[in-house]
């Protein structure tokens, strides 16, 4: 099994921020208000630090390090700040880079699990808050913009969107 020792510090930082960036992709795909942003971010962080940290694989090791950063009140995103109209492309490029790192240095099974995990992180963000509607009426769990982003993420990561 691959571990943190198999990656450079820069590569590991890329892997640590990847699950949060996957959630960020959903936020950028269909920006809501501050409450939606908090719900989406919290959902991803909870999924990573609680559920994923129990795994006994590379994903679990990454999740435990993200949890340690969160407990220290450090932002796992580091200096990653997508901007403007290219934010979606920057996010997809960054997630593609993270997947390529694990593909290069991990086993095929680890790379597949990592890519699927990133898509799962994005799905948790998409399902965290209802979108659209008025005062909750006619709102949807996952908006069209979020669906499109999930499809783009699946394509970028080479994962079946399921």
N, C-alpha and C. Protein backbone atom coordinates (compact mmCIF):
# COMPACT_ATOMS: atom_id res chain seq x y z
N UNK A 1 0.83 -1.19 0.00
CA UNK A 1 0.00 0.00 0.00
C UNK A 1 0.88 1.24 0.00
N UNK A 2 0.49 2.22 -0.79
CA UNK A 2 1.19 3.50 -0.81
C UNK A 2 0.86 4.26 0.46
N UNK A 3 1.77 5.14 0.83
CA UNK A 3 1.55 5.97 2.02
C UNK A 3 2.14 7.36 1.76
N UNK A 4 2.00 8.22 2.71
CA UNK A 4 2.49 9.59 2.61
C UNK A 4 3.97 9.61 2.22
N UNK A 5 4.73 8.66 2.70
CA UNK A 5 6.17 8.61 2.43
C UNK A 5 6.48 8.43 0.94
N UNK A 6 5.53 7.95 0.16
CA UNK A 6 5.74 7.73 -1.27
C UNK A 6 5.53 8.99 -2.11
N UNK A 7 5.12 10.08 -1.48
CA UNK A 7 4.80 11.31 -2.20
C UNK A 7 5.67 12.45 -1.68
N UNK A 8 5.97 13.42 -2.56
CA UNK A 8 6.67 14.62 -2.12
C UNK A 8 5.71 15.45 -1.27
N UNK A 9 6.25 16.41 -0.55
CA UNK A 9 5.40 17.29 0.27
C UNK A 9 4.38 18.03 -0.61
N UNK A 10 4.82 18.49 -1.76
CA UNK A 10 3.92 19.22 -2.67
C UNK A 10 2.83 18.31 -3.19
N UNK A 11 3.19 17.08 -3.56
CA UNK A 11 2.18 16.13 -4.03
C UNK A 11 1.18 15.81 -2.93
N UNK A 12 1.67 15.62 -1.70
CA UNK A 12 0.78 15.30 -0.59
C UNK A 12 -0.19 16.45 -0.32
N UNK A 13 0.29 17.68 -0.40
CA UNK A 13 -0.58 18.84 -0.21
C UNK A 13 -1.69 18.85 -1.27
N UNK A 14 -1.33 18.48 -2.50
CA UNK A 14 -2.33 18.40 -3.58
C UNK A 14 -3.38 17.36 -3.25
N UNK A 15 -2.95 16.21 -2.74
CA UNK A 15 -3.89 15.14 -2.38
C UNK A 15 -4.77 15.56 -1.20
N UNK A 16 -4.21 16.28 -0.24
CA UNK A 16 -4.98 16.70 0.93
C UNK A 16 -6.08 17.70 0.57
N UNK A 17 -5.81 18.57 -0.37
CA UNK A 17 -6.83 19.57 -0.72
C UNK A 17 -7.85 19.05 -1.72
N UNK A 18 -7.54 17.95 -2.39
CA UNK A 18 -8.42 17.43 -3.45
C UNK A 18 -9.86 17.18 -3.01
N UNK A 19 -10.13 16.54 -1.86
CA UNK A 19 -11.54 16.31 -1.52
C UNK A 19 -12.31 17.61 -1.29
N UNK A 20 -11.65 18.60 -0.72
CA UNK A 20 -12.32 19.88 -0.50
C UNK A 20 -12.55 20.62 -1.82
N UNK A 21 -11.61 20.47 -2.74
CA UNK A 21 -11.76 21.09 -4.06
C UNK A 21 -12.89 20.41 -4.82
N UNK A 22 -13.05 19.10 -4.64
CA UNK A 22 -14.17 18.40 -5.28
C UNK A 22 -15.49 18.99 -4.79
N UNK A 23 -15.59 19.29 -3.51
CA UNK A 23 -16.78 19.95 -2.98
C UNK A 23 -16.92 21.37 -3.50
N UNK A 24 -15.79 22.06 -3.61
CA UNK A 24 -15.78 23.42 -4.13
C UNK A 24 -16.31 23.46 -5.56
N UNK A 25 -16.05 22.42 -6.33
CA UNK A 25 -16.53 22.37 -7.71
C UNK A 25 -18.05 22.51 -7.75
N UNK A 26 -18.72 21.90 -6.80
CA UNK A 26 -20.18 21.97 -6.74
C UNK A 26 -20.63 23.37 -6.38
N UNK A 27 -19.95 23.99 -5.45
CA UNK A 27 -20.29 25.35 -5.04
C UNK A 27 -20.16 26.31 -6.22
N UNK A 28 -19.09 26.17 -6.99
CA UNK A 28 -18.89 27.05 -8.15
C UNK A 28 -19.88 26.72 -9.27
N UNK A 29 -20.32 25.48 -9.35
CA UNK A 29 -21.23 25.07 -10.43
C UNK A 29 -22.60 25.74 -10.31
N UNK A 30 -23.04 25.95 -9.08
CA UNK A 30 -24.35 26.57 -8.86
C UNK A 30 -24.28 27.34 -7.55
N UNK A 31 -23.68 28.54 -7.61
CA UNK A 31 -23.50 29.30 -6.37
C UNK A 31 -24.83 29.65 -5.73
N UNK A 32 -24.95 29.32 -4.48
CA UNK A 32 -26.13 29.70 -3.70
C UNK A 32 -25.70 30.78 -2.72
N UNK A 33 -26.42 30.88 -1.66
CA UNK A 33 -26.08 31.84 -0.63
C UNK A 33 -25.08 31.26 0.34
N UNK A 34 -24.73 32.03 1.36
CA UNK A 34 -23.74 31.59 2.34
C UNK A 34 -24.17 30.33 3.10
N UNK A 35 -25.45 30.15 3.31
CA UNK A 35 -25.92 28.97 4.03
C UNK A 35 -25.64 27.71 3.20
N UNK A 36 -25.89 27.78 1.89
CA UNK A 36 -25.62 26.63 1.03
C UNK A 36 -24.13 26.30 1.00
N UNK A 37 -23.29 27.34 0.94
CA UNK A 37 -21.84 27.13 0.93
C UNK A 37 -21.40 26.42 2.20
N UNK A 38 -21.90 26.86 3.34
CA UNK A 38 -21.54 26.24 4.61
C UNK A 38 -22.02 24.79 4.65
N UNK A 39 -23.24 24.54 4.20
CA UNK A 39 -23.76 23.17 4.21
C UNK A 39 -22.93 22.26 3.30
N UNK A 40 -22.59 22.74 2.12
CA UNK A 40 -21.81 21.93 1.18
C UNK A 40 -20.42 21.64 1.72
N UNK A 41 -19.76 22.67 2.22
CA UNK A 41 -18.41 22.49 2.76
C UNK A 41 -18.42 21.59 3.98
N UNK A 42 -19.37 21.80 4.86
CA UNK A 42 -19.48 20.98 6.08
C UNK A 42 -19.75 19.52 5.75
N UNK A 43 -20.58 19.29 4.75
CA UNK A 43 -20.90 17.92 4.36
C UNK A 43 -19.66 17.18 3.86
N UNK A 44 -18.86 17.84 3.04
CA UNK A 44 -17.64 17.22 2.54
C UNK A 44 -16.66 16.99 3.68
N UNK A 45 -16.48 17.98 4.52
CA UNK A 45 -15.54 17.85 5.64
C UNK A 45 -15.95 16.72 6.57
N UNK A 46 -17.25 16.62 6.86
CA UNK A 46 -17.74 15.54 7.72
C UNK A 46 -17.51 14.17 7.07
N UNK A 47 -17.82 14.06 5.78
CA UNK A 47 -17.62 12.80 5.06
C UNK A 47 -16.15 12.39 5.08
N UNK A 48 -15.27 13.35 4.85
CA UNK A 48 -13.83 13.06 4.81
C UNK A 48 -13.30 12.72 6.19
N UNK A 49 -13.59 13.56 7.17
CA UNK A 49 -12.96 13.40 8.49
C UNK A 49 -13.60 12.33 9.36
N UNK A 50 -14.86 12.03 9.13
CA UNK A 50 -15.51 11.01 9.97
C UNK A 50 -15.58 9.66 9.25
N UNK A 51 -16.23 9.64 8.10
CA UNK A 51 -16.45 8.37 7.41
C UNK A 51 -15.19 7.85 6.73
N UNK A 52 -14.53 8.70 5.95
CA UNK A 52 -13.38 8.25 5.15
C UNK A 52 -12.15 7.96 6.00
N UNK A 53 -12.01 8.65 7.13
CA UNK A 53 -10.83 8.48 7.98
C UNK A 53 -10.75 7.08 8.58
N UNK A 54 -11.84 6.35 8.58
CA UNK A 54 -11.84 4.99 9.13
C UNK A 54 -11.30 3.96 8.14
N UNK A 55 -11.13 4.37 6.91
CA UNK A 55 -10.64 3.43 5.89
C UNK A 55 -9.18 3.06 6.15
N UNK A 56 -8.82 1.86 5.76
CA UNK A 56 -7.45 1.38 5.94
C UNK A 56 -6.74 1.32 4.59
N UNK A 57 -6.71 2.44 3.90
CA UNK A 57 -6.03 2.51 2.61
C UNK A 57 -5.48 3.91 2.43
N UNK A 58 -4.99 4.22 1.23
CA UNK A 58 -4.42 5.54 0.97
C UNK A 58 -5.46 6.64 1.21
N UNK A 59 -6.69 6.41 0.79
CA UNK A 59 -7.76 7.40 1.00
C UNK A 59 -7.92 7.66 2.50
N UNK A 60 -7.90 6.62 3.31
CA UNK A 60 -8.02 6.79 4.76
C UNK A 60 -6.87 7.60 5.33
N UNK A 61 -5.66 7.36 4.84
CA UNK A 61 -4.51 8.14 5.33
C UNK A 61 -4.64 9.61 4.96
N UNK A 62 -5.08 9.88 3.75
CA UNK A 62 -5.31 11.26 3.33
C UNK A 62 -6.39 11.88 4.21
N UNK A 63 -7.48 11.17 4.42
CA UNK A 63 -8.60 11.67 5.23
C UNK A 63 -8.15 11.97 6.66
N UNK A 64 -7.33 11.11 7.23
CA UNK A 64 -6.85 11.35 8.61
C UNK A 64 -5.98 12.60 8.67
N UNK A 65 -5.18 12.84 7.63
CA UNK A 65 -4.36 14.06 7.61
C UNK A 65 -5.23 15.31 7.43
N UNK A 66 -6.30 15.20 6.63
CA UNK A 66 -7.24 16.32 6.49
C UNK A 66 -7.90 16.59 7.84
N UNK A 67 -8.28 15.52 8.54
CA UNK A 67 -8.89 15.68 9.86
C UNK A 67 -7.92 16.37 10.82
N UNK A 68 -6.65 15.99 10.78
CA UNK A 68 -5.65 16.62 11.65
C UNK A 68 -5.53 18.11 11.33
N UNK A 69 -5.54 18.46 10.06
CA UNK A 69 -5.49 19.88 9.69
C UNK A 69 -6.72 20.62 10.22
N UNK A 70 -7.88 20.02 10.07
CA UNK A 70 -9.12 20.65 10.54
C UNK A 70 -9.10 20.83 12.05
N UNK A 71 -8.57 19.84 12.77
CA UNK A 71 -8.50 19.94 14.22
C UNK A 71 -7.54 21.04 14.66
N UNK A 72 -6.54 21.31 13.84
CA UNK A 72 -5.59 22.38 14.12
C UNK A 72 -6.07 23.73 13.58
N UNK A 73 -7.29 23.73 13.04
CA UNK A 73 -7.89 24.92 12.45
C UNK A 73 -7.07 25.45 11.27
N UNK A 74 -6.47 24.52 10.52
CA UNK A 74 -5.72 24.87 9.31
C UNK A 74 -6.57 24.51 8.11
N UNK A 75 -6.53 25.35 7.11
CA UNK A 75 -7.33 25.16 5.90
C UNK A 75 -6.65 24.15 4.98
N UNK A 76 -7.30 23.02 4.69
CA UNK A 76 -6.69 22.02 3.81
C UNK A 76 -6.50 22.53 2.37
N UNK A 77 -7.20 23.61 2.00
CA UNK A 77 -7.05 24.14 0.65
C UNK A 77 -5.71 24.83 0.45
N UNK A 78 -5.03 25.18 1.53
CA UNK A 78 -3.74 25.85 1.40
C UNK A 78 -3.89 27.14 0.62
N UNK A 79 -3.05 27.32 -0.40
CA UNK A 79 -3.08 28.55 -1.18
C UNK A 79 -3.88 28.42 -2.48
N UNK A 80 -4.66 27.34 -2.62
CA UNK A 80 -5.46 27.15 -3.82
C UNK A 80 -6.66 28.08 -3.78
N UNK A 81 -6.73 28.99 -4.75
CA UNK A 81 -7.84 29.94 -4.84
C UNK A 81 -8.20 30.17 -6.30
N UNK A 82 -9.16 29.39 -6.81
CA UNK A 82 -9.57 29.60 -8.20
C UNK A 82 -10.27 30.96 -8.33
N UNK A 83 -10.11 31.56 -9.50
CA UNK A 83 -10.64 32.92 -9.66
C UNK A 83 -11.42 33.09 -10.95
N UNK A 84 -12.43 33.90 -10.84
CA UNK A 84 -13.17 34.38 -12.00
C UNK A 84 -13.78 33.32 -12.87
N UNK A 85 -13.86 33.65 -14.15
CA UNK A 85 -14.55 32.79 -15.11
C UNK A 85 -13.81 31.48 -15.37
N UNK A 86 -12.54 31.39 -15.00
CA UNK A 86 -11.77 30.17 -15.21
C UNK A 86 -11.76 29.26 -13.98
N UNK A 87 -12.52 29.60 -12.96
CA UNK A 87 -12.51 28.82 -11.72
C UNK A 87 -12.86 27.36 -11.95
N UNK A 88 -13.89 27.10 -12.74
CA UNK A 88 -14.29 25.71 -13.00
C UNK A 88 -13.18 24.92 -13.66
N UNK A 89 -12.49 25.52 -14.63
CA UNK A 89 -11.39 24.85 -15.32
C UNK A 89 -10.23 24.63 -14.36
N UNK A 90 -9.92 25.62 -13.53
CA UNK A 90 -8.83 25.48 -12.56
C UNK A 90 -9.12 24.34 -11.59
N UNK A 91 -10.36 24.23 -11.16
CA UNK A 91 -10.77 23.17 -10.23
C UNK A 91 -10.62 21.80 -10.90
N UNK A 92 -11.12 21.67 -12.11
CA UNK A 92 -11.02 20.39 -12.82
C UNK A 92 -9.56 20.03 -13.09
N UNK A 93 -8.75 21.03 -13.47
CA UNK A 93 -7.32 20.79 -13.70
C UNK A 93 -6.63 20.30 -12.43
N UNK A 94 -6.95 20.93 -11.31
CA UNK A 94 -6.34 20.55 -10.03
C UNK A 94 -6.73 19.13 -9.63
N UNK A 95 -7.99 18.78 -9.82
CA UNK A 95 -8.43 17.42 -9.49
C UNK A 95 -7.82 16.40 -10.45
N UNK A 96 -7.66 16.78 -11.70
CA UNK A 96 -6.98 15.91 -12.66
C UNK A 96 -5.53 15.68 -12.26
N UNK A 97 -4.88 16.73 -11.76
CA UNK A 97 -3.49 16.62 -11.28
C UNK A 97 -3.41 15.67 -10.09
N UNK A 98 -4.33 15.81 -9.15
CA UNK A 98 -4.34 14.94 -7.97
C UNK A 98 -4.52 13.48 -8.39
N UNK A 99 -5.44 13.24 -9.30
CA UNK A 99 -5.67 11.87 -9.78
C UNK A 99 -4.44 11.32 -10.48
N UNK A 100 -3.76 12.17 -11.26
CA UNK A 100 -2.55 11.74 -11.97
C UNK A 100 -1.43 11.37 -11.00
N UNK A 101 -1.33 12.11 -9.89
CA UNK A 101 -0.30 11.82 -8.89
C UNK A 101 -0.51 10.42 -8.31
N UNK A 102 -1.75 10.12 -7.93
CA UNK A 102 -2.03 8.80 -7.34
C UNK A 102 -1.89 7.71 -8.40
N UNK A 103 -2.27 8.01 -9.62
CA UNK A 103 -2.12 7.02 -10.70
C UNK A 103 -0.64 6.70 -10.92
N UNK A 104 0.20 7.72 -10.85
CA UNK A 104 1.64 7.54 -11.07
C UNK A 104 2.33 6.81 -9.92
N UNK A 105 1.97 7.15 -8.70
CA UNK A 105 2.71 6.65 -7.55
C UNK A 105 2.00 5.56 -6.75
N UNK A 106 0.71 5.40 -6.97
CA UNK A 106 -0.04 4.39 -6.23
C UNK A 106 -0.29 3.17 -7.10
N UNK A 107 -0.99 2.22 -6.52
CA UNK A 107 -1.38 1.03 -7.28
C UNK A 107 -2.61 1.38 -8.12
N UNK A 108 -2.92 0.59 -9.13
CA UNK A 108 -4.14 0.85 -9.91
C UNK A 108 -5.40 0.85 -9.03
N UNK A 109 -5.43 -0.01 -8.03
CA UNK A 109 -6.59 -0.06 -7.12
C UNK A 109 -6.68 1.22 -6.29
N UNK A 110 -5.53 1.72 -5.82
CA UNK A 110 -5.53 2.96 -5.03
C UNK A 110 -5.97 4.14 -5.89
N UNK A 111 -5.49 4.19 -7.13
CA UNK A 111 -5.86 5.28 -8.02
C UNK A 111 -7.37 5.26 -8.30
N UNK A 112 -7.90 4.07 -8.54
CA UNK A 112 -9.34 3.95 -8.80
C UNK A 112 -10.15 4.36 -7.57
N UNK A 113 -9.72 3.90 -6.40
CA UNK A 113 -10.42 4.24 -5.15
C UNK A 113 -10.35 5.74 -4.88
N UNK A 114 -9.21 6.36 -5.13
CA UNK A 114 -9.03 7.79 -4.91
C UNK A 114 -9.95 8.59 -5.82
N UNK A 115 -9.97 8.24 -7.10
CA UNK A 115 -10.81 8.97 -8.06
C UNK A 115 -12.29 8.82 -7.70
N UNK A 116 -12.71 7.62 -7.34
CA UNK A 116 -14.11 7.40 -6.95
C UNK A 116 -14.44 8.19 -5.68
N UNK A 117 -13.50 8.25 -4.76
CA UNK A 117 -13.69 8.99 -3.50
C UNK A 117 -13.88 10.48 -3.77
N UNK A 118 -13.09 11.04 -4.69
CA UNK A 118 -13.24 12.46 -5.01
C UNK A 118 -14.63 12.74 -5.57
N UNK A 119 -15.12 11.86 -6.43
CA UNK A 119 -16.47 12.04 -6.96
C UNK A 119 -17.51 11.92 -5.85
N UNK A 120 -17.29 11.00 -4.93
CA UNK A 120 -18.20 10.84 -3.79
C UNK A 120 -18.20 12.10 -2.91
N UNK A 121 -17.05 12.73 -2.73
CA UNK A 121 -16.98 13.99 -1.99
C UNK A 121 -17.84 15.05 -2.66
N UNK A 122 -17.73 15.15 -3.98
CA UNK A 122 -18.54 16.12 -4.73
C UNK A 122 -20.03 15.81 -4.61
N UNK A 123 -20.38 14.54 -4.64
CA UNK A 123 -21.80 14.16 -4.49
C UNK A 123 -22.33 14.56 -3.12
N UNK A 124 -21.51 14.41 -2.09
CA UNK A 124 -21.94 14.83 -0.75
C UNK A 124 -22.22 16.32 -0.73
N UNK A 125 -21.37 17.10 -1.39
CA UNK A 125 -21.60 18.55 -1.45
C UNK A 125 -22.88 18.85 -2.21
N UNK A 126 -23.08 18.16 -3.33
CA UNK A 126 -24.28 18.42 -4.16
C UNK A 126 -25.57 18.11 -3.42
N UNK A 127 -25.54 17.10 -2.58
CA UNK A 127 -26.75 16.68 -1.87
C UNK A 127 -26.95 17.37 -0.52
N UNK A 128 -26.03 18.25 -0.16
CA UNK A 128 -26.05 18.86 1.17
C UNK A 128 -27.13 19.94 1.33
N UNK A 129 -27.43 20.64 0.26
CA UNK A 129 -28.37 21.75 0.38
C UNK A 129 -29.29 21.77 -0.83
N UNK A 130 -30.54 22.13 -0.60
CA UNK A 130 -31.48 22.27 -1.71
C UNK A 130 -31.16 23.54 -2.47
N UNK A 131 -31.43 23.49 -3.77
CA UNK A 131 -31.13 24.62 -4.65
C UNK A 131 -32.40 25.11 -5.32
N UNK A 132 -32.45 26.41 -5.54
CA UNK A 132 -33.57 27.00 -6.29
C UNK A 132 -34.84 27.08 -5.47
N UNK A 133 -35.89 27.36 -6.15
CA UNK A 133 -37.18 27.46 -5.48
C UNK A 133 -37.32 28.76 -4.70
N UNK A 134 -38.41 28.84 -3.97
CA UNK A 134 -38.68 30.02 -3.15
C UNK A 134 -39.06 29.54 -1.77
N UNK A 135 -38.26 29.91 -0.77
CA UNK A 135 -38.48 29.53 0.62
C UNK A 135 -38.65 28.01 0.76
N UNK A 136 -37.89 27.28 -0.04
CA UNK A 136 -37.92 25.83 0.04
C UNK A 136 -38.91 25.14 -0.87
N UNK A 137 -39.86 25.90 -1.42
CA UNK A 137 -40.84 25.31 -2.34
C UNK A 137 -40.23 25.18 -3.73
N UNK A 138 -40.43 24.03 -4.34
CA UNK A 138 -39.92 23.74 -5.67
C UNK A 138 -38.39 23.70 -5.73
N UNK A 139 -37.75 23.58 -4.62
CA UNK A 139 -36.29 23.44 -4.60
C UNK A 139 -35.93 22.00 -4.95
N UNK A 140 -34.74 21.82 -5.47
CA UNK A 140 -34.26 20.48 -5.82
C UNK A 140 -33.01 20.16 -5.01
N UNK A 141 -32.80 18.88 -4.76
CA UNK A 141 -31.64 18.45 -3.98
C UNK A 141 -30.35 18.69 -4.76
N UNK A 142 -30.35 18.35 -6.05
CA UNK A 142 -29.17 18.55 -6.90
C UNK A 142 -29.62 19.32 -8.14
N UNK A 143 -29.07 20.50 -8.33
CA UNK A 143 -29.48 21.36 -9.44
C UNK A 143 -28.88 20.87 -10.76
N UNK A 144 -29.38 21.43 -11.86
CA UNK A 144 -28.85 21.08 -13.18
C UNK A 144 -27.37 21.44 -13.29
N UNK A 145 -26.99 22.59 -12.76
CA UNK A 145 -25.58 23.01 -12.79
C UNK A 145 -24.70 22.03 -12.01
N UNK A 146 -25.20 21.57 -10.88
CA UNK A 146 -24.45 20.60 -10.09
C UNK A 146 -24.35 19.26 -10.80
N UNK A 147 -25.44 18.84 -11.45
CA UNK A 147 -25.43 17.60 -12.23
C UNK A 147 -24.39 17.67 -13.34
N UNK A 148 -24.35 18.84 -14.03
CA UNK A 148 -23.36 19.01 -15.10
C UNK A 148 -21.94 18.93 -14.54
N UNK A 149 -21.71 19.55 -13.39
CA UNK A 149 -20.37 19.52 -12.80
C UNK A 149 -20.02 18.11 -12.36
N UNK A 150 -20.95 17.38 -11.79
CA UNK A 150 -20.67 15.98 -11.41
C UNK A 150 -20.28 15.17 -12.64
N UNK A 151 -20.95 15.40 -13.76
CA UNK A 151 -20.61 14.69 -15.00
C UNK A 151 -19.22 15.09 -15.49
N UNK A 152 -18.89 16.39 -15.40
CA UNK A 152 -17.56 16.84 -15.80
C UNK A 152 -16.48 16.26 -14.89
N UNK A 153 -16.76 16.21 -13.59
CA UNK A 153 -15.81 15.61 -12.64
C UNK A 153 -15.61 14.14 -12.95
N UNK A 154 -16.69 13.43 -13.19
CA UNK A 154 -16.59 12.00 -13.51
C UNK A 154 -15.73 11.80 -14.76
N UNK A 155 -15.93 12.64 -15.75
CA UNK A 155 -15.16 12.55 -16.99
C UNK A 155 -13.69 12.87 -16.73
N UNK A 156 -13.42 13.93 -16.01
CA UNK A 156 -12.04 14.32 -15.68
C UNK A 156 -11.33 13.23 -14.91
N UNK A 157 -12.04 12.62 -13.97
CA UNK A 157 -11.44 11.60 -13.11
C UNK A 157 -11.47 10.19 -13.74
N UNK A 158 -12.20 10.04 -14.83
CA UNK A 158 -12.32 8.73 -15.46
C UNK A 158 -13.09 7.75 -14.61
N UNK A 159 -14.17 8.25 -13.99
CA UNK A 159 -15.00 7.44 -13.09
C UNK A 159 -16.40 7.35 -13.65
N UNK A 160 -17.02 6.22 -13.48
CA UNK A 160 -18.42 6.05 -13.88
C UNK A 160 -19.27 6.94 -12.96
N UNK A 161 -20.05 7.87 -13.53
CA UNK A 161 -20.82 8.78 -12.67
C UNK A 161 -21.87 8.10 -11.82
N UNK A 162 -22.24 6.87 -12.20
CA UNK A 162 -23.17 6.05 -11.41
C UNK A 162 -24.31 6.79 -10.94
